[in-house]
Amino acid sequence: MKIYEYEKVNIIGYLESIGSRIALTTNLWTAENQKKWYMAITGHFIDDNWELQSCVLRCEFIYYFKTSNTHDILHCIVI
């Protein structure tokens, strides 16, 4: 947990200091045998040297439920 907290503080400071915008993407995957969903939010940006950078900003466990409605899934994630 000490490494996590250290890296979290570093990436927050770094993202506040860059002069570019950040694009966010999400990935959602399931562990069917455990009936669990996981979601990661990744930030992508161009650094001062014009190199593409990416970092995972958040990863969350989401309770599994059966639905084909994307709105239901997003509602569950946001709340």
C-alpha atoms as a PDB file:
ATOM      1  CA  MET A   1       0.000   0.000   0.000  1.00  0.00           C
ATOM      2  CA  LYS A   2       2.946   2.353   0.575  1.00  0.00           C
ATOM      3  CA  ILE A   3       4.029   1.953  -3.050  1.00  0.00           C
ATOM      4  CA  TYR A   4       0.453   2.578  -4.218  1.00  0.00           C
ATOM      5  CA  GLU A   5       0.158   5.784  -2.189  1.00  0.00           C
ATOM      6  CA  TYR A   6       3.579   6.972  -3.380  1.00  0.00           C
ATOM      7  CA  GLU A   7       2.704   6.367  -7.050  1.00  0.00           C
ATOM      8  CA  LYS A   8      -0.736   7.929  -6.626  1.00  0.00           C
ATOM      9  CA  VAL A   9       0.747  11.176  -5.301  1.00  0.00           C
ATOM     10  CA  ASN A  10       3.354  11.192  -8.094  1.00  0.00           C
ATOM     11  CA  ILE A  11       0.877  10.687 -10.928  1.00  0.00           C
ATOM     12  CA  ILE A  12      -1.555  13.293  -9.563  1.00  0.00           C
ATOM     13  CA  GLY A  13       1.261  15.839  -9.383  1.00  0.00           C
ATOM     14  CA  TYR A  14       2.486  14.924 -12.847  1.00  0.00           C
ATOM     15  CA  LEU A  15      -0.977  15.178 -14.430  1.00  0.00           C
ATOM     16  CA  GLU A  16      -1.507  18.592 -12.829  1.00  0.00           C
ATOM     17  CA  SER A  17       1.779  19.839 -14.304  1.00  0.00           C
ATOM     18  CA  ILE A  18       1.406  18.748 -17.944  1.00  0.00           C
ATOM     19  CA  GLY A  19       0.253  21.232 -20.535  1.00  0.00           C
ATOM     20  CA  SER A  20      -1.891  18.853 -22.581  1.00  0.00           C
ATOM     21  CA  ARG A  21      -5.352  17.424 -22.312  1.00  0.00           C
ATOM     22  CA  ILE A  22      -6.107  13.915 -21.144  1.00  0.00           C
ATOM     23  CA  ALA A  23      -8.215  11.380 -23.047  1.00  0.00           C
ATOM     24  CA  LEU A  24      -9.976   8.809 -20.874  1.00  0.00           C
ATOM     25  CA  THR A  25     -10.785   5.264 -21.909  1.00  0.00           C
ATOM     26  CA  THR A  26     -12.474   2.461 -20.010  1.00  0.00           C
ATOM     27  CA  ASN A  27     -12.074  -1.277 -20.162  1.00  0.00           C
ATOM     28  CA  LEU A  28     -14.609  -3.661 -18.718  1.00  0.00           C
ATOM     29  CA  TRP A  29     -13.946  -7.340 -18.285  1.00  0.00           C
ATOM     30  CA  THR A  30     -15.601 -10.221 -16.502  1.00  0.00           C
ATOM     31  CA  ALA A  31     -14.596 -13.257 -14.519  1.00  0.00           C
ATOM     32  CA  GLU A  32     -17.533 -15.473 -15.441  1.00  0.00           C
ATOM     33  CA  ASN A  33     -16.622 -18.267 -13.082  1.00  0.00           C
ATOM     34  CA  GLN A  34     -16.767 -15.784 -10.191  1.00  0.00           C
ATOM     35  CA  LYS A  35     -19.654 -13.658 -11.533  1.00  0.00           C
ATOM     36  CA  LYS A  36     -17.609 -10.459 -11.128  1.00  0.00           C
ATOM     37  CA  TRP A  37     -16.941  -7.495 -13.383  1.00  0.00           C
ATOM     38  CA  TYR A  38     -13.916  -5.235 -13.277  1.00  0.00           C
ATOM     39  CA  MET A  39     -13.483  -1.812 -14.840  1.00  0.00           C
ATOM     40  CA  ALA A  40     -10.333   0.242 -15.367  1.00  0.00           C
ATOM     41  CA  ILE A  41     -10.122   3.908 -16.320  1.00  0.00           C
ATOM     42  CA  THR A  42      -6.965   4.823 -18.216  1.00  0.00           C
ATOM     43  CA  GLY A  43      -5.669   8.312 -18.999  1.00  0.00           C
ATOM     44  CA  HIS A  44      -3.781   8.952 -22.262  1.00  0.00           C
ATOM     45  CA  PHE A  45      -1.867  12.140 -22.968  1.00  0.00           C
ATOM     46  CA  ILE A  46       1.061  13.612 -24.900  1.00  0.00           C
ATOM     47  CA  ASP A  47       3.953  14.659 -22.656  1.00  0.00           C
ATOM     48  CA  ASP A  48       6.298  17.632 -23.128  1.00  0.00           C
ATOM     49  CA  ASN A  49       8.575  15.487 -25.351  1.00  0.00           C
ATOM     50  CA  TRP A  50       5.656  14.660 -27.665  1.00  0.00           C
ATOM     51  CA  GLU A  51       5.522  11.040 -26.523  1.00  0.00           C
ATOM     52  CA  LEU A  52       2.248   9.250 -25.894  1.00  0.00           C
ATOM     53  CA  GLN A  53       1.852   8.310 -22.229  1.00  0.00           C
ATOM     54  CA  SER A  54      -0.798   6.181 -20.539  1.00  0.00           C
ATOM     55  CA  CYS A  55      -1.571   5.431 -16.923  1.00  0.00           C
ATOM     56  CA  VAL A  56      -4.293   3.530 -15.107  1.00  0.00           C
ATOM     57  CA  LEU A  57      -6.192   6.051 -13.023  1.00  0.00           C
ATOM     58  CA  ARG A  58      -8.655   3.721 -11.362  1.00  0.00           C
ATOM     59  CA  CYS A  59      -9.620   0.071 -11.268  1.00  0.00           C
ATOM     60  CA  GLU A  60     -12.858  -1.024  -9.636  1.00  0.00           C
ATOM     61  CA  PHE A  61     -14.754  -4.203  -8.871  1.00  0.00           C
ATOM     62  CA  ILE A  62     -18.353  -4.058 -10.062  1.00  0.00           C
ATOM     63  CA  TYR A  63     -20.999  -6.459  -8.870  1.00  0.00           C
ATOM     64  CA  TYR A  64     -22.098  -8.778 -11.655  1.00  0.00           C
ATOM     65  CA  PHE A  65     -25.635  -8.528 -12.939  1.00  0.00           C
ATOM     66  CA  LYS A  66     -27.246  -9.733 -16.123  1.00  0.00           C
ATOM     67  CA  THR A  67     -28.415  -7.000 -18.470  1.00  0.00           C
ATOM     68  CA  SER A  68     -28.089  -6.145 -22.119  1.00  0.00           C
ATOM     69  CA  ASN A  69     -28.767  -2.475 -21.437  1.00  0.00           C
ATOM     70  CA  THR A  70     -25.577  -0.372 -21.537  1.00  0.00           C
ATOM     71  CA  HIS A  71     -27.338   2.426 -19.627  1.00  0.00           C
ATOM     72  CA  ASP A  72     -27.871   0.064 -16.666  1.00  0.00           C
ATOM     73  CA  ILE A  73     -24.169  -0.827 -16.646  1.00  0.00           C
ATOM     74  CA  LEU A  74     -23.047   2.820 -16.791  1.00  0.00           C
ATOM     75  CA  HIS A  75     -25.522   3.781 -14.080  1.00  0.00           C
ATOM     76  CA  CYS A  76     -24.072   1.083 -11.834  1.00  0.00           C
ATOM     77  CA  ILE A  77     -20.525   2.318 -12.478  1.00  0.00           C
ATOM     78  CA  VAL A  78     -21.220   6.012 -11.870  1.00  0.00           C
ATOM     79  CA  ILE A  79     -23.152   5.513  -8.663  1.00  0.00           C
END
